[in-house]
Amino acid sequence: MEKTNVMRVLDQKKVKYTPHSIGDNSTMTGTQVADVLKKSPDEVFKTLVTVGKSGTNYVFVVPIGKELNLKKAAKAVGEKSIEMLKSKELLPLTGYIHGGCSPIGMKKFFTTTVDKSAADKSTICFSAGKIGYQVELAPSDLSRVIRFTYADIAE
């Protein structure tokens, strides 16, 4: 299996994870990705990048079967409002393309909020930074790699 930058970061930090290669999933729904991984949609997360009214960017990690509640997300980061980042702005800002965005290994660190539902999971899966690749690890191990807070942000 090809190593992604996310996997290299996890290796460097000596964080235990399980890599998953599921082929080109660019046309799959999040639920289909969960099915291929044999996981519940509550265990597989997507990484969303937003921009606040202040112009600051934020990263939110939510279960793939749910949507980001923009009001709750804005409140969680102390913004008046936030909106999703335009797809064409994602690669220059983060180094990732739509469908392969990971909270680990972005060009620079952005304030990151993970949906509180992840806190009680033994492991969660999310993009390994490339379409078709996922990593599975304990949320407590994710906190060894990036700083984040938990909040009620999904609906």
Protein backbone atom coordinates (compact mmCIF):
# COMPACT_ATOMS: atom_id res chain seq x y z
CA MET A 1 0.00 0.00 0.00
CA GLU A 2 1.22 3.48 -0.86
CA LYS A 3 2.16 5.66 2.14
CA THR A 4 0.45 9.03 2.27
CA ASN A 5 1.79 12.11 4.05
CA VAL A 6 -0.78 11.50 6.81
CA MET A 7 0.63 8.00 7.36
CA ARG A 8 4.18 9.38 7.41
CA VAL A 9 3.19 11.96 10.06
CA LEU A 10 1.56 9.21 12.16
CA ASP A 11 4.68 7.01 11.78
CA GLN A 12 6.95 9.92 12.76
CA LYS A 13 4.87 10.56 15.91
CA LYS A 14 4.82 6.79 16.64
CA VAL A 15 1.00 6.73 16.60
CA LYS A 16 -0.61 3.35 16.03
CA TYR A 17 -3.12 3.34 13.15
CA THR A 18 -4.68 0.98 10.63
CA PRO A 19 -4.39 2.04 6.99
CA HIS A 20 -7.23 1.24 4.56
CA SER A 21 -7.04 1.36 0.78
CA ILE A 22 -10.45 1.31 -0.86
CA GLY A 23 -9.63 2.31 -4.43
CA ASP A 24 -10.97 5.40 -6.16
CA ASN A 25 -13.85 6.46 -3.94
CA SER A 26 -14.35 9.86 -5.58
CA THR A 27 -17.81 8.86 -6.82
CA MET A 28 -18.84 7.06 -3.62
CA THR A 29 -21.10 8.53 -0.98
CA GLY A 30 -19.80 8.61 2.57
CA THR A 31 -22.16 5.77 3.48
CA GLN A 32 -20.73 3.65 0.65
CA VAL A 33 -17.21 4.32 1.95
CA ALA A 34 -18.35 3.14 5.41
CA ASP A 35 -19.84 -0.03 3.85
CA VAL A 36 -16.56 -0.82 2.05
CA LEU A 37 -14.69 -0.33 5.35
CA LYS A 38 -17.29 -2.48 7.13
CA LYS A 39 -17.86 0.37 9.58
CA SER A 40 -20.90 2.21 10.84
CA PRO A 41 -21.37 5.68 9.28
CA ASP A 42 -20.90 6.98 12.86
CA GLU A 43 -17.30 5.67 12.86
CA VAL A 44 -16.18 7.21 9.56
CA PHE A 45 -15.57 10.97 9.53
CA LYS A 46 -15.15 13.64 6.89
CA THR A 47 -12.94 16.71 7.13
CA LEU A 48 -14.55 20.03 6.20
CA VAL A 49 -12.77 23.35 5.82
CA THR A 50 -14.66 26.58 6.43
CA VAL A 51 -14.09 30.32 6.56
CA GLY A 52 -15.47 32.51 9.32
CA LYS A 53 -16.91 36.01 9.01
CA SER A 54 -13.54 37.23 10.34
CA GLY A 55 -11.76 35.60 7.37
CA THR A 56 -10.17 32.93 9.58
CA ASN A 57 -10.23 29.32 8.36
CA TYR A 58 -11.44 26.44 10.53
CA VAL A 59 -11.45 22.65 10.17
CA PHE A 60 -14.39 20.52 11.31
CA VAL A 61 -14.45 16.72 11.47
CA VAL A 62 -17.93 15.18 11.42
CA PRO A 63 -19.45 11.72 10.85
CA ILE A 64 -19.94 11.05 7.14
CA GLY A 65 -23.65 10.35 7.59
CA LYS A 66 -24.27 13.79 9.08
CA GLU A 67 -23.92 17.41 8.03
CA LEU A 68 -22.01 20.23 9.67
CA ASN A 69 -24.41 22.56 11.50
CA LEU A 70 -22.97 25.95 10.52
CA LYS A 71 -24.57 27.77 13.46
CA LYS A 72 -23.24 25.29 16.04
CA ALA A 73 -19.85 25.27 14.30
CA ALA A 74 -19.62 29.08 14.36
CA LYS A 75 -20.52 29.10 18.04
CA ALA A 76 -17.90 26.41 18.77
CA VAL A 77 -15.11 28.59 17.34
CA GLY A 78 -16.45 31.95 18.51
CA GLU A 79 -17.43 33.30 15.08
CA LYS A 80 -20.60 35.20 14.15
CA SER A 81 -21.00 32.93 11.13
CA ILE A 82 -19.04 30.51 8.99
CA GLU A 83 -19.44 29.11 5.50
CA MET A 84 -17.91 26.23 3.61
CA LEU A 85 -14.67 27.00 1.79
CA LYS A 86 -15.05 27.02 -2.00
CA SER A 87 -13.70 23.82 -3.57
CA LYS A 88 -11.17 25.69 -5.75
CA GLU A 89 -9.66 27.30 -2.62
CA LEU A 90 -9.09 23.99 -0.81
CA LEU A 91 -5.89 22.78 -2.53
CA PRO A 92 -3.92 26.07 -2.32
CA LEU A 93 -4.95 26.53 1.33
CA THR A 94 -4.55 22.99 2.70
CA GLY A 95 -2.56 21.00 0.15
CA TYR A 96 -5.49 18.58 -0.17
CA ILE A 97 -8.12 18.10 -2.86
CA HIS A 98 -11.85 17.68 -2.30
CA GLY A 99 -12.47 14.08 -1.22
CA GLY A 100 -8.95 13.60 0.11
CA CYS A 101 -8.84 16.20 2.88
CA SER A 102 -7.48 15.09 6.26
CA PRO A 103 -7.19 16.98 9.55
CA ILE A 104 -3.55 15.79 9.69
CA GLY A 105 -0.80 17.23 7.52
CA MET A 106 -2.35 20.40 6.11
CA LYS A 107 0.03 23.09 4.82
CA LYS A 108 -0.55 24.95 8.08
CA PHE A 109 -2.50 24.22 11.22
CA PHE A 110 -6.04 25.55 11.49
CA THR A 111 -8.26 25.55 14.58
CA THR A 112 -9.85 22.11 14.47
CA THR A 113 -13.09 20.91 16.03
CA VAL A 114 -14.17 17.26 16.06
CA ASP A 115 -17.81 16.31 16.58
CA LYS A 116 -18.31 15.19 20.18
CA SER A 117 -19.64 11.81 19.00
CA ALA A 118 -16.03 10.78 18.25
CA ALA A 119 -15.02 11.09 21.91
CA ASP A 120 -16.67 7.82 22.96
CA LYS A 121 -15.50 5.73 19.97
CA SER A 122 -12.64 3.27 20.36
CA THR A 123 -11.49 4.18 16.83
CA ILE A 124 -12.55 6.50 14.03
CA CYS A 125 -11.69 6.48 10.33
CA PHE A 126 -10.97 9.52 8.19
CA SER A 127 -9.13 10.40 4.99
CA ALA A 128 -5.43 9.60 4.86
CA GLY A 129 -4.95 12.66 2.64
CA LYS A 130 -5.51 10.99 -0.71
CA ILE A 131 -8.65 9.77 -2.46
CA GLY A 132 -9.10 6.05 -1.78
CA TYR A 133 -7.05 5.98 1.42
CA GLN A 134 -8.33 6.10 5.00
CA VAL A 135 -6.65 5.77 8.37
CA GLU A 136 -8.26 4.33 11.48
CA LEU A 137 -7.06 5.34 14.91
CA ALA A 138 -8.20 6.10 18.44
CA PRO A 139 -9.42 9.67 18.96
CA SER A 140 -7.02 9.90 21.92
CA ASP A 141 -4.15 9.12 19.51
CA LEU A 142 -5.35 11.84 17.11
CA SER A 143 -4.87 14.29 19.97
CA ARG A 144 -1.17 13.31 20.02
CA VAL A 145 -0.82 14.57 16.43
CA ILE A 146 -3.04 17.67 16.21
CA ARG A 147 -4.70 20.01 18.68
CA PHE A 148 -8.49 19.93 18.57
CA THR A 149 -11.55 20.38 20.71
CA TYR A 150 -14.77 18.39 20.82
CA ALA A 151 -18.11 20.12 20.26
CA ASP A 152 -21.68 19.33 19.23
CA ILE A 153 -21.38 20.43 15.57
CA ALA A 154 -23.16 17.74 13.48
CA GLU A 155 -26.81 17.25 12.60
